[in-house]
Amino acid sequence: CKGELLAAVDDKGNLFLFRCISLSPKQKIRIGISLLHSFGSKGISLLFSPGKQYQLLVSFQDKTTACVDCDTGVIIATLRGHKRVVQSISYHPSCSFVATASLDRLILWD
């Protein structure tokens, strides 16, 4: 989100957040790592919201996609509806819609 956060999800569904902090004008970077949430299903892909700061979409092997608040780790919404694993997620530039795609179909969410 806005260049200061990185995120990763592992094969156990652990969602990690990396906060990058500049310590000096010489651009020394300190990275704080935290376990944001543990989902219990293998993570497939993730994407930060381009407009809503500190929101993240994460897709999982269990065919769901979760919208997570990066500050609190709270799950804002869980998107269910695919019969196959969600391989791709995308935000519309206005952040009004989200698209999830799997081998079974493409779903637009609002």
PDB file of N, CA and C in Angstrom:
ATOM      1  N   CYS A   1       0.832  -1.187   0.000  1.00  0.00           N
ATOM      2  CA  CYS A   1       0.000   0.000   0.000  1.00  0.00           C
ATOM      3  C   CYS A   1       0.873   1.246   0.000  1.00  0.00           C
ATOM      4  N   LYS A   2       0.834   1.951  -1.062  1.00  0.00           N
ATOM      5  CA  LYS A   2       1.535   3.218  -1.197  1.00  0.00           C
ATOM      6  C   LYS A   2       3.033   3.096  -0.964  1.00  0.00           C
ATOM      7  N   GLY A   3       3.631   1.942  -1.305  1.00  0.00           N
ATOM      8  CA  GLY A   3       5.070   1.801  -1.292  1.00  0.00           C
ATOM      9  C   GLY A   3       5.715   1.480   0.037  1.00  0.00           C
ATOM     10  N   GLU A   4       4.981   1.446   1.124  1.00  0.00           N
ATOM     11  CA  GLU A   4       5.611   1.164   2.404  1.00  0.00           C
ATOM     12  C   GLU A   4       5.348  -0.244   2.905  1.00  0.00           C
ATOM     13  N   LEU A   5       4.444  -0.971   2.272  1.00  0.00           N
ATOM     14  CA  LEU A   5       4.103  -2.312   2.707  1.00  0.00           C
ATOM     15  C   LEU A   5       4.380  -3.339   1.617  1.00  0.00           C
ATOM     16  N   LEU A   6       4.784  -4.510   2.059  1.00  0.00           N
ATOM     17  CA  LEU A   6       4.874  -5.689   1.215  1.00  0.00           C
ATOM     18  C   LEU A   6       4.090  -6.776   1.925  1.00  0.00           C
ATOM     19  N   ALA A   7       3.584  -7.737   1.181  1.00  0.00           N
ATOM     20  CA  ALA A   7       2.846  -8.829   1.788  1.00  0.00           C
ATOM     21  C   ALA A   7       3.216 -10.129   1.103  1.00  0.00           C
ATOM     22  N   ALA A   8       3.056 -11.228   1.839  1.00  0.00           N
ATOM     23  CA  ALA A   8       3.295 -12.565   1.293  1.00  0.00           C
ATOM     24  C   ALA A   8       2.362 -13.534   1.996  1.00  0.00           C
ATOM     25  N   VAL A   9       1.939 -14.560   1.260  1.00  0.00           N
ATOM     26  CA  VAL A   9       1.120 -15.615   1.844  1.00  0.00           C
ATOM     27  C   VAL A   9       1.802 -16.948   1.534  1.00  0.00           C
ATOM     28  N   ASP A  10       1.831 -17.843   2.514  1.00  0.00           N
ATOM     29  CA  ASP A  10       2.549 -19.096   2.316  1.00  0.00           C
ATOM     30  C   ASP A  10       1.603 -20.266   2.059  1.00  0.00           C
ATOM     31  N   ASP A  11       2.174 -21.467   1.966  1.00  0.00           N
ATOM     32  CA  ASP A  11       1.381 -22.651   1.631  1.00  0.00           C
ATOM     33  C   ASP A  11       0.523 -23.153   2.789  1.00  0.00           C
ATOM     34  N   LYS A  12       0.625 -22.527   3.948  1.00  0.00           N
ATOM     35  CA  LYS A  12      -0.243 -22.844   5.093  1.00  0.00           C
ATOM     36  C   LYS A  12      -1.320 -21.781   5.294  1.00  0.00           C
ATOM     37  N   GLY A  13      -1.297 -20.745   4.434  1.00  0.00           N
ATOM     38  CA  GLY A  13      -2.274 -19.674   4.543  1.00  0.00           C
ATOM     39  C   GLY A  13      -1.894 -18.592   5.521  1.00  0.00           C
ATOM     40  N   ASN A  14      -0.639 -18.563   5.947  1.00  0.00           N
ATOM     41  CA  ASN A  14      -0.170 -17.493   6.833  1.00  0.00           C
ATOM     42  C   ASN A  14       0.091 -16.249   5.996  1.00  0.00           C
ATOM     43  N   LEU A  15      -0.551 -15.159   6.369  1.00  0.00           N
ATOM     44  CA  LEU A  15      -0.408 -13.891   5.668  1.00  0.00           C
ATOM     45  C   LEU A  15       0.546 -13.002   6.454  1.00  0.00           C
ATOM     46  N   PHE A  16       1.686 -12.684   5.830  1.00  0.00           N
ATOM     47  CA  PHE A  16       2.711 -11.874   6.472  1.00  0.00           C
ATOM     48  C   PHE A  16       2.709 -10.469   5.887  1.00  0.00           C
ATOM     49  N   LEU A  17       2.953  -9.503   6.750  1.00  0.00           N
ATOM     50  CA  LEU A  17       3.039  -8.113   6.331  1.00  0.00           C
ATOM     51  C   LEU A  17       4.419  -7.588   6.681  1.00  0.00           C
ATOM     52  N   PHE A  18       5.044  -6.936   5.722  1.00  0.00           N
ATOM     53  CA  PHE A  18       6.373  -6.354   5.896  1.00  0.00           C
ATOM     54  C   PHE A  18       6.222  -4.843   5.791  1.00  0.00           C
ATOM     55  N   ARG A  19       6.569  -4.134   6.857  1.00  0.00           N
ATOM     56  CA  ARG A  19       6.520  -2.672   6.852  1.00  0.00           C
ATOM     57  C   ARG A  19       7.936  -2.148   6.671  1.00  0.00           C
ATOM     58  N   CYS A  20       8.133  -1.378   5.618  1.00  0.00           N
ATOM     59  CA  CYS A  20       9.453  -0.826   5.295  1.00  0.00           C
ATOM     60  C   CYS A  20       9.528   0.604   5.822  1.00  0.00           C
ATOM     61  N   ILE A  21      10.533   0.872   6.627  1.00  0.00           N
ATOM     62  CA  ILE A  21      10.671   2.181   7.252  1.00  0.00           C
ATOM     63  C   ILE A  21      12.056   2.729   6.944  1.00  0.00           C
ATOM     64  N   SER A  22      12.113   3.929   6.394  1.00  0.00           N
ATOM     65  CA  SER A  22      13.381   4.592   6.113  1.00  0.00           C
ATOM     66  C   SER A  22      13.890   5.208   7.407  1.00  0.00           C
ATOM     67  N   LEU A  23      15.132   4.905   7.763  1.00  0.00           N
ATOM     68  CA  LEU A  23      15.691   5.383   9.024  1.00  0.00           C
ATOM     69  C   LEU A  23      16.536   6.646   8.882  1.00  0.00           C
ATOM     70  N   SER A  24      16.981   6.948   7.665  1.00  0.00           N
ATOM     71  CA  SER A  24      17.840   8.112   7.494  1.00  0.00           C
ATOM     72  C   SER A  24      17.749   8.621   6.069  1.00  0.00           C
ATOM     73  N   PRO A  25      18.283   9.816   5.831  1.00  0.00           N
ATOM     74  CA  PRO A  25      18.291  10.340   4.457  1.00  0.00           C
ATOM     75  C   PRO A  25      19.105   9.473   3.497  1.00  0.00           C
ATOM     76  N   LYS A  26      20.000   8.658   4.022  1.00  0.00           N
ATOM     77  CA  LYS A  26      20.805   7.778   3.173  1.00  0.00           C
ATOM     78  C   LYS A  26      20.028   6.525   2.766  1.00  0.00           C
ATOM     79  N   GLN A  27      18.751   6.493   3.098  1.00  0.00           N
ATOM     80  CA  GLN A  27      17.840   5.432   2.691  1.00  0.00           C
ATOM     81  C   GLN A  27      18.143   4.065   3.298  1.00  0.00           C
ATOM     82  N   LYS A  28      18.643   4.032   4.528  1.00  0.00           N
ATOM     83  CA  LYS A  28      18.723   2.757   5.225  1.00  0.00           C
ATOM     84  C   LYS A  28      17.296   2.340   5.542  1.00  0.00           C
ATOM     85  N   ILE A  29      17.002   1.109   5.285  1.00  0.00           N
ATOM     86  CA  ILE A  29      15.637   0.623   5.448  1.00  0.00           C
ATOM     87  C   ILE A  29      15.583  -0.401   6.576  1.00  0.00           C
ATOM     88  N   ARG A  30      14.598  -0.240   7.443  1.00  0.00           N
ATOM     89  CA  ARG A  30      14.311  -1.232   8.472  1.00  0.00           C
ATOM     90  C   ARG A  30      13.007  -1.901   8.090  1.00  0.00           C
ATOM     91  N   ILE A  31      12.951  -3.197   8.215  1.00  0.00           N
ATOM     92  CA  ILE A  31      11.737  -3.924   7.845  1.00  0.00           C
ATOM     93  C   ILE A  31      11.174  -4.610   9.084  1.00  0.00           C
ATOM     94  N   GLY A  32       9.919  -4.300   9.378  1.00  0.00           N
ATOM     95  CA  GLY A  32       9.207  -4.978  10.450  1.00  0.00           C
ATOM     96  C   GLY A  32       8.312  -6.042   9.846  1.00  0.00           C
ATOM     97  N   ILE A  33       8.378  -7.246  10.377  1.00  0.00           N
ATOM     98  CA  ILE A  33       7.597  -8.364   9.855  1.00  0.00           C
ATOM     99  C   ILE A  33       6.569  -8.778  10.895  1.00  0.00           C
ATOM    100  N   SER A  34       5.331  -8.975  10.438  1.00  0.00           N
ATOM    101  CA  SER A  34       4.302  -9.462  11.359  1.00  0.00           C
ATOM    102  C   SER A  34       3.417 -10.484  10.657  1.00  0.00           C
ATOM    103  N   LEU A  35       2.924 -11.425  11.447  1.00  0.00           N
ATOM    104  CA  LEU A  35       1.930 -12.379  10.959  1.00  0.00           C
ATOM    105  C   LEU A  35       0.583 -11.690  11.093  1.00  0.00           C
ATOM    106  N   LEU A  36      -0.025 -11.361   9.963  1.00  0.00           N
ATOM    107  CA  LEU A  36      -1.266 -10.592   9.969  1.00  0.00           C
ATOM    108  C   LEU A  36      -2.473 -11.470  10.267  1.00  0.00           C
ATOM    109  N   HIS A  37      -2.511 -12.658   9.636  1.00  0.00           N
ATOM    110  CA  HIS A  37      -3.642 -13.566   9.832  1.00  0.00           C
ATOM    111  C   HIS A  37      -3.224 -14.960   9.383  1.00  0.00           C
ATOM    112  N   SER A  38      -3.795 -15.977   9.997  1.00  0.00           N
ATOM    113  CA  SER A  38      -3.539 -17.355   9.592  1.00  0.00           C
ATOM    114  C   SER A  38      -4.847 -17.962   9.098  1.00  0.00           C
ATOM    115  N   PHE A  39      -4.899 -18.299   7.803  1.00  0.00           N
ATOM    116  CA  PHE A  39      -6.140 -18.756   7.187  1.00  0.00           C
ATOM    117  C   PHE A  39      -6.306 -20.275   7.172  1.00  0.00           C
ATOM    118  N   GLY A  40      -5.205 -21.027   7.158  1.00  0.00           N
ATOM    119  CA  GLY A  40      -5.300 -22.478   7.173  1.00  0.00           C
ATOM    120  C   GLY A  40      -5.469 -23.132   5.813  1.00  0.00           C
ATOM    121  N   SER A  41      -5.442 -22.363   4.744  1.00  0.00           N
ATOM    122  CA  SER A  41      -5.527 -22.893   3.389  1.00  0.00           C
ATOM    123  C   SER A  41      -4.411 -22.269   2.562  1.00  0.00           C
ATOM    124  N   LYS A  42      -3.803 -23.049   1.686  1.00  0.00           N
ATOM    125  CA  LYS A  42      -2.672 -22.586   0.889  1.00  0.00           C
ATOM    126  C   LYS A  42      -2.991 -21.291   0.152  1.00  0.00           C
ATOM    127  N   GLY A  43      -2.115 -20.287   0.288  1.00  0.00           N
ATOM    128  CA  GLY A  43      -2.280 -19.025  -0.408  1.00  0.00           C
ATOM    129  C   GLY A  43      -1.859 -19.155  -1.861  1.00  0.00           C
ATOM    130  N   ILE A  44      -2.606 -18.515  -2.756  1.00  0.00           N
ATOM    131  CA  ILE A  44      -2.332 -18.584  -4.189  1.00  0.00           C
ATOM    132  C   ILE A  44      -1.812 -17.240  -4.714  1.00  0.00           C
ATOM    133  N   SER A  45      -2.547 -16.176  -4.475  1.00  0.00           N
ATOM    134  CA  SER A  45      -2.133 -14.866  -4.964  1.00  0.00           C
ATOM    135  C   SER A  45      -2.642 -13.777  -4.037  1.00  0.00           C
ATOM    136  N   LEU A  46      -2.053 -12.584  -4.168  1.00  0.00           N
ATOM    137  CA  LEU A  46      -2.516 -11.451  -3.367  1.00  0.00           C
ATOM    138  C   LEU A  46      -2.308 -10.163  -4.126  1.00  0.00           C
ATOM    139  N   LEU A  47      -3.075  -9.145  -3.715  1.00  0.00           N
ATOM    140  CA  LEU A  47      -3.035  -7.859  -4.402  1.00  0.00           C
ATOM    141  C   LEU A  47      -3.507  -6.761  -3.453  1.00  0.00           C
ATOM    142  N   PHE A  48      -2.705  -5.690  -3.342  1.00  0.00           N
ATOM    143  CA  PHE A  48      -3.121  -4.528  -2.563  1.00  0.00           C
ATOM    144  C   PHE A  48      -4.149  -3.724  -3.346  1.00  0.00           C
ATOM    145  N   SER A  49      -5.074  -3.099  -2.630  1.00  0.00           N
ATOM    146  CA  SER A  49      -6.038  -2.194  -3.245  1.00  0.00           C
ATOM    147  C   SER A  49      -5.319  -0.939  -3.727  1.00  0.00           C
ATOM    148  N   PRO A  50      -5.596  -0.507  -4.954  1.00  0.00           N
ATOM    149  CA  PRO A  50      -4.952   0.713  -5.430  1.00  0.00           C
ATOM    150  C   PRO A  50      -5.538   1.985  -4.828  1.00  0.00           C
ATOM    151  N   GLY A  51      -6.731   1.914  -4.256  1.00  0.00           N
ATOM    152  CA  GLY A  51      -7.383   3.119  -3.769  1.00  0.00           C
ATOM    153  C   GLY A  51      -7.664   3.142  -2.289  1.00  0.00           C
ATOM    154  N   LYS A  52      -8.007   2.000  -1.727  1.00  0.00           N
ATOM    155  CA  LYS A  52      -8.317   1.944  -0.304  1.00  0.00           C
ATOM    156  C   LYS A  52      -7.060   1.506   0.427  1.00  0.00           C
ATOM    157  N   GLN A  53      -6.387   2.472   0.991  1.00  0.00           N
ATOM    158  CA  GLN A  53      -5.116   2.205   1.637  1.00  0.00           C
ATOM    159  C   GLN A  53      -5.266   1.128   2.703  1.00  0.00           C
ATOM    160  N   TYR A  54      -4.331   0.221   2.730  1.00  0.00           N
ATOM    161  CA  TYR A  54      -4.244  -0.836   3.720  1.00  0.00           C
ATOM    162  C   TYR A  54      -5.325  -1.908   3.589  1.00  0.00           C
ATOM    163  N   GLN A  55      -5.803  -2.155   2.379  1.00  0.00           N
ATOM    164  CA  GLN A  55      -6.657  -3.308   2.123  1.00  0.00           C
ATOM    165  C   GLN A  55      -5.956  -4.225   1.132  1.00  0.00           C
ATOM    166  N   LEU A  56      -6.146  -5.519   1.333  1.00  0.00           N
ATOM    167  CA  LEU A  56      -5.441  -6.524   0.568  1.00  0.00           C
ATOM    168  C   LEU A  56      -6.397  -7.648   0.205  1.00  0.00           C
ATOM    169  N   LEU A  57      -6.355  -8.113  -1.041  1.00  0.00           N
ATOM    170  CA  LEU A  57      -7.105  -9.294  -1.460  1.00  0.00           C
ATOM    171  C   LEU A  57      -6.151 -10.481  -1.504  1.00  0.00           C
ATOM    172  N   VAL A  58      -6.596 -11.625  -0.994  1.00  0.00           N
ATOM    173  CA  VAL A  58      -5.781 -12.834  -0.991  1.00  0.00           C
ATOM    174  C   VAL A  58      -6.646 -14.005  -1.439  1.00  0.00           C
ATOM    175  N   SER A  59      -6.165 -14.781  -2.431  1.00  0.00           N
ATOM    176  CA  SER A  59      -6.905 -15.975  -2.853  1.00  0.00           C
ATOM    177  C   SER A  59      -6.232 -17.217  -2.285  1.00  0.00           C
ATOM    178  N   PHE A  60      -7.068 -18.275  -2.099  1.00  0.00           N
ATOM    179  CA  PHE A  60      -6.611 -19.482  -1.421  1.00  0.00           C
ATOM    180  C   PHE A  60      -7.000 -20.748  -2.177  1.00  0.00           C
ATOM    181  N   GLN A  61      -6.303 -21.832  -1.848  1.00  0.00           N
ATOM    182  CA  GLN A  61      -6.552 -23.146  -2.432  1.00  0.00           C
ATOM    183  C   GLN A  61      -7.991 -23.610  -2.202  1.00  0.00           C
ATOM    184  N   ASP A  62      -8.631 -23.143  -1.141  1.00  0.00           N
ATOM    185  CA  ASP A  62     -10.013 -23.573  -0.841  1.00  0.00           C
ATOM    186  C   ASP A  62     -11.067 -22.849  -1.688  1.00  0.00           C
ATOM    187  N   LYS A  63     -10.628 -22.132  -2.742  1.00  0.00           N
ATOM    188  CA  LYS A  63     -11.486 -21.467  -3.727  1.00  0.00           C
ATOM    189  C   LYS A  63     -12.105 -20.164  -3.224  1.00  0.00           C
ATOM    190  N   THR A  64     -11.608 -19.636  -2.124  1.00  0.00           N
ATOM    191  CA  THR A  64     -12.106 -18.370  -1.600  1.00  0.00           C
ATOM    192  C   THR A  64     -11.085 -17.262  -1.829  1.00  0.00           C
ATOM    193  N   THR A  65     -11.577 -16.032  -1.724  1.00  0.00           N
ATOM    194  CA  THR A  65     -10.727 -14.845  -1.742  1.00  0.00           C
ATOM    195  C   THR A  65     -11.148 -13.994  -0.550  1.00  0.00           C
ATOM    196  N   ALA A  66     -10.174 -13.522   0.217  1.00  0.00           N
ATOM    197  CA  ALA A  66     -10.464 -12.709   1.394  1.00  0.00           C
ATOM    198  C   ALA A  66      -9.960 -11.286   1.181  1.00  0.00           C
ATOM    199  N   CYS A  67     -10.746 -10.328   1.657  1.00  0.00           N
ATOM    200  CA  CYS A  67     -10.329  -8.929   1.709  1.00  0.00           C
ATOM    201  C   CYS A  67      -9.928  -8.663   3.162  1.00  0.00           C
ATOM    202  N   VAL A  68      -8.686  -8.240   3.366  1.00  0.00           N
ATOM    203  CA  VAL A  68      -8.132  -8.111   4.708  1.00  0.00           C
ATOM    204  C   VAL A  68      -7.693  -6.674   4.963  1.00  0.00           C
ATOM    205  N   ASP A  69      -7.974  -6.170   6.163  1.00  0.00           N
ATOM    206  CA  ASP A  69      -7.482  -4.874   6.608  1.00  0.00           C
ATOM    207  C   ASP A  69      -6.050  -5.066   7.099  1.00  0.00           C
ATOM    208  N   CYS A  70      -5.097  -4.405   6.467  1.00  0.00           N
ATOM    209  CA  CYS A  70      -3.680  -4.578   6.798  1.00  0.00           C
ATOM    210  C   CYS A  70      -3.309  -4.009   8.165  1.00  0.00           C
ATOM    211  N   ASP A  71      -4.057  -3.063   8.676  1.00  0.00           N
ATOM    212  CA  ASP A  71      -3.757  -2.490   9.988  1.00  0.00           C
ATOM    213  C   ASP A  71      -4.167  -3.421  11.122  1.00  0.00           C
ATOM    214  N   THR A  72      -5.299  -4.081  10.973  1.00  0.00           N
ATOM    215  CA  THR A  72      -5.860  -4.867  12.070  1.00  0.00           C
ATOM    216  C   THR A  72      -5.816  -6.372  11.850  1.00  0.00           C
ATOM    217  N   GLY A  73      -5.682  -6.813  10.599  1.00  0.00           N
ATOM    218  CA  GLY A  73      -5.746  -8.244  10.295  1.00  0.00           C
ATOM    219  C   GLY A  73      -7.166  -8.764  10.209  1.00  0.00           C
ATOM    220  N   VAL A  74      -8.137  -7.886  10.352  1.00  0.00           N
ATOM    221  CA  VAL A  74      -9.547  -8.268  10.306  1.00  0.00           C
ATOM    222  C   VAL A  74      -9.948  -8.593   8.859  1.00  0.00           C
ATOM    223  N   ILE A  75     -10.698  -9.674   8.707  1.00  0.00           N
ATOM    224  CA  ILE A  75     -11.224 -10.033   7.395  1.00  0.00           C
ATOM    225  C   ILE A  75     -12.453  -9.173   7.135  1.00  0.00           C
ATOM    226  N   ILE A  76     -12.373  -8.316   6.126  1.00  0.00           N
ATOM    227  CA  ILE A  76     -13.472  -7.409   5.785  1.00  0.00           C
ATOM    228  C   ILE A  76     -14.568  -8.165   5.056  1.00  0.00           C
ATOM    229  N   ALA A  77     -14.177  -9.066   4.160  1.00  0.00           N
ATOM    230  CA  ALA A  77     -15.147  -9.860   3.399  1.00  0.00           C
ATOM    231  C   ALA A  77     -14.470 -11.125   2.904  1.00  0.00           C
ATOM    232  N   THR A  78     -15.257 -12.177   2.741  1.00  0.00           N
ATOM    233  CA  THR A  78     -14.791 -13.411   2.110  1.00  0.00           C
ATOM    234  C   THR A  78     -15.642 -13.635   0.877  1.00  0.00           C
ATOM    235  N   LEU A  79     -14.983 -13.752  -0.267  1.00  0.00           N
ATOM    236  CA  LEU A  79     -15.673 -13.932  -1.544  1.00  0.00           C
ATOM    237  C   LEU A  79     -15.705 -15.415  -1.875  1.00  0.00           C
ATOM    238  N   ARG A  80     -16.923 -15.962  -1.984  1.00  0.00           N
ATOM    239  CA  ARG A  80     -17.113 -17.378  -2.310  1.00  0.00           C
ATOM    240  C   ARG A  80     -17.984 -17.477  -3.555  1.00  0.00           C
ATOM    241  N   GLY A  81     -17.699 -18.444  -4.415  1.00  0.00           N
ATOM    242  CA  GLY A  81     -18.523 -18.618  -5.599  1.00  0.00           C
ATOM    243  C   GLY A  81     -17.826 -19.397  -6.703  1.00  0.00           C
ATOM    244  N   HIS A  82     -16.545 -19.628  -6.554  1.00  0.00           N
ATOM    245  CA  HIS A  82     -15.805 -20.388  -7.552  1.00  0.00           C
ATOM    246  C   HIS A  82     -15.849 -21.882  -7.229  1.00  0.00           C
ATOM    247  N   LYS A  83     -15.846 -22.698  -8.273  1.00  0.00           N
ATOM    248  CA  LYS A  83     -15.775 -24.150  -8.109  1.00  0.00           C
ATOM    249  C   LYS A  83     -14.343 -24.655  -8.273  1.00  0.00           C
ATOM    250  N   ARG A  84     -13.476 -23.778  -8.769  1.00  0.00           N
ATOM    251  CA  ARG A  84     -12.057 -24.094  -8.938  1.00  0.00           C
ATOM    252  C   ARG A  84     -11.237 -23.030  -8.206  1.00  0.00           C
ATOM    253  N   VAL A  85      -9.960 -23.293  -8.037  1.00  0.00           N
ATOM    254  CA  VAL A  85      -9.069 -22.381  -7.319  1.00  0.00           C
ATOM    255  C   VAL A  85      -8.952 -21.048  -8.064  1.00  0.00           C
ATOM    256  N   VAL A  86      -9.076 -19.954  -7.333  1.00  0.00           N
ATOM    257  CA  VAL A  86      -8.926 -18.615  -7.908  1.00  0.00           C
ATOM    258  C   VAL A  86      -7.451 -18.401  -8.231  1.00  0.00           C
ATOM    259  N   GLN A  87      -7.163 -18.173  -9.506  1.00  0.00           N
ATOM    260  CA  GLN A  87      -5.792 -18.000  -9.967  1.00  0.00           C
ATOM    261  C   GLN A  87      -5.396 -16.536 -10.106  1.00  0.00           C
ATOM    262  N   SER A  88      -6.386 -15.672 -10.307  1.00  0.00           N
ATOM    263  CA  SER A  88      -6.083 -14.268 -10.585  1.00  0.00           C
ATOM    264  C   SER A  88      -7.106 -13.368  -9.911  1.00  0.00           C
ATOM    265  N   ILE A  89      -6.616 -12.249  -9.377  1.00  0.00           N
ATOM    266  CA  ILE A  89      -7.487 -11.249  -8.767  1.00  0.00           C
ATOM    267  C   ILE A  89      -7.071  -9.876  -9.284  1.00  0.00           C
ATOM    268  N   SER A  90      -8.076  -8.992  -9.436  1.00  0.00           N
ATOM    269  CA  SER A  90      -7.782  -7.668  -9.972  1.00  0.00           C
ATOM    270  C   SER A  90      -8.800  -6.664  -9.454  1.00  0.00           C
ATOM    271  N   TYR A  91      -8.316  -5.453  -9.178  1.00  0.00           N
ATOM    272  CA  TYR A  91      -9.200  -4.342  -8.821  1.00  0.00           C
ATOM    273  C   TYR A  91      -9.482  -3.515 -10.065  1.00  0.00           C
ATOM    274  N   HIS A  92     -10.705  -3.005 -10.186  1.00  0.00           N
ATOM    275  CA  HIS A  92     -11.010  -1.977 -11.174  1.00  0.00           C
ATOM    276  C   HIS A  92     -10.317  -0.703 -10.692  1.00  0.00           C
ATOM    277  N   PRO A  93      -9.816   0.150 -11.596  1.00  0.00           N
ATOM    278  CA  PRO A  93      -9.119   1.370 -11.166  1.00  0.00           C
ATOM    279  C   PRO A  93      -9.931   2.261 -10.216  1.00  0.00           C
ATOM    280  N   SER A  94     -11.249   2.224 -10.307  1.00  0.00           N
ATOM    281  CA  SER A  94     -12.073   3.034  -9.405  1.00  0.00           C
ATOM    282  C   SER A  94     -12.235   2.382  -8.029  1.00  0.00           C
ATOM    283  N   CYS A  95     -11.774   1.138  -7.893  1.00  0.00           N
ATOM    284  CA  CYS A  95     -11.929   0.325  -6.670  1.00  0.00           C
ATOM    285  C   CYS A  95     -13.381  -0.004  -6.379  1.00  0.00           C
ATOM    286  N   SER A  96     -14.270   0.191  -7.342  1.00  0.00           N
ATOM    287  CA  SER A  96     -15.680  -0.140  -7.170  1.00  0.00           C
ATOM    288  C   SER A  96     -15.951  -1.616  -7.409  1.00  0.00           C
ATOM    289  N   PHE A  97     -15.084  -2.258  -8.182  1.00  0.00           N
ATOM    290  CA  PHE A  97     -15.269  -3.660  -8.532  1.00  0.00           C
ATOM    291  C   PHE A  97     -13.974  -4.437  -8.353  1.00  0.00           C
ATOM    292  N   VAL A  98     -14.142  -5.720  -8.076  1.00  0.00           N
ATOM    293  CA  VAL A  98     -13.029  -6.658  -8.012  1.00  0.00           C
ATOM    294  C   VAL A  98     -13.372  -7.801  -8.950  1.00  0.00           C
ATOM    295  N   ALA A  99     -12.386  -8.300  -9.664  1.00  0.00           N
ATOM    296  CA  ALA A  99     -12.576  -9.468 -10.515  1.00  0.00           C
ATOM    297  C   ALA A  99     -11.736 -10.605  -9.958  1.00  0.00           C
ATOM    298  N   THR A 100     -12.347 -11.802  -9.903  1.00  0.00           N
ATOM    299  CA  THR A 100     -11.605 -13.010  -9.552  1.00  0.00           C
ATOM    300  C   THR A 100     -11.800 -13.997 -10.691  1.00  0.00           C
ATOM    301  N   ALA A 101     -10.734 -14.712 -11.028  1.00  0.00           N
ATOM    302  CA  ALA A 101     -10.801 -15.644 -12.149  1.00  0.00           C
ATOM    303  C   ALA A 101     -10.217 -16.996 -11.749  1.00  0.00           C
ATOM    304  N   SER A 102     -10.901 -18.033 -12.189  1.00  0.00           N
ATOM    305  CA  SER A 102     -10.422 -19.400 -12.008  1.00  0.00           C
ATOM    306  C   SER A 102     -10.695 -20.134 -13.320  1.00  0.00           C
ATOM    307  N   LEU A 103     -10.382 -21.413 -13.361  1.00  0.00           N
ATOM    308  CA  LEU A 103     -10.640 -22.178 -14.583  1.00  0.00           C
ATOM    309  C   LEU A 103     -12.127 -22.380 -14.823  1.00  0.00           C
ATOM    310  N   ASP A 104     -12.970 -22.168 -13.816  1.00  0.00           N
ATOM    311  CA  ASP A 104     -14.412 -22.353 -14.009  1.00  0.00           C
ATOM    312  C   ASP A 104     -15.109 -21.099 -14.515  1.00  0.00           C
ATOM    313  N   ARG A 105     -14.651 -19.892 -14.082  1.00  0.00           N
ATOM    314  CA  ARG A 105     -15.317 -18.667 -14.533  1.00  0.00           C
ATOM    315  C   ARG A 105     -14.626 -17.424 -13.984  1.00  0.00           C
ATOM    316  N   LEU A 106     -15.105 -16.300 -14.483  1.00  0.00           N
ATOM    317  CA  LEU A 106     -14.699 -14.981 -14.012  1.00  0.00           C
ATOM    318  C   LEU A 106     -15.886 -14.401 -13.254  1.00  0.00           C
ATOM    319  N   ILE A 107     -15.623 -13.843 -12.054  1.00  0.00           N
ATOM    320  CA  ILE A 107     -16.697 -13.223 -11.276  1.00  0.00           C
ATOM    321  C   ILE A 107     -16.320 -11.775 -10.985  1.00  0.00           C
ATOM    322  N   LEU A 108     -17.268 -10.857 -11.219  1.00  0.00           N
ATOM    323  CA  LEU A 108     -17.100  -9.452 -10.847  1.00  0.00           C
ATOM    324  C   LEU A 108     -17.846  -9.224  -9.534  1.00  0.00           C
ATOM    325  N   TRP A 109     -17.163  -8.640  -8.578  1.00  0.00           N
ATOM    326  CA  TRP A 109     -17.729  -8.384  -7.244  1.00  0.00           C
ATOM    327  C   TRP A 109     -17.795  -6.875  -7.039  1.00  0.00           C
ATOM    328  N   ASP A 110     -18.848  -6.418  -6.347  1.00  0.00           N
ATOM    329  CA  ASP A 110     -18.909  -4.987  -6.019  1.00  0.00           C
ATOM    330  C   ASP A 110     -18.936  -4.780  -4.521  1.00  0.00           C
TER     331      ASP A 110
END
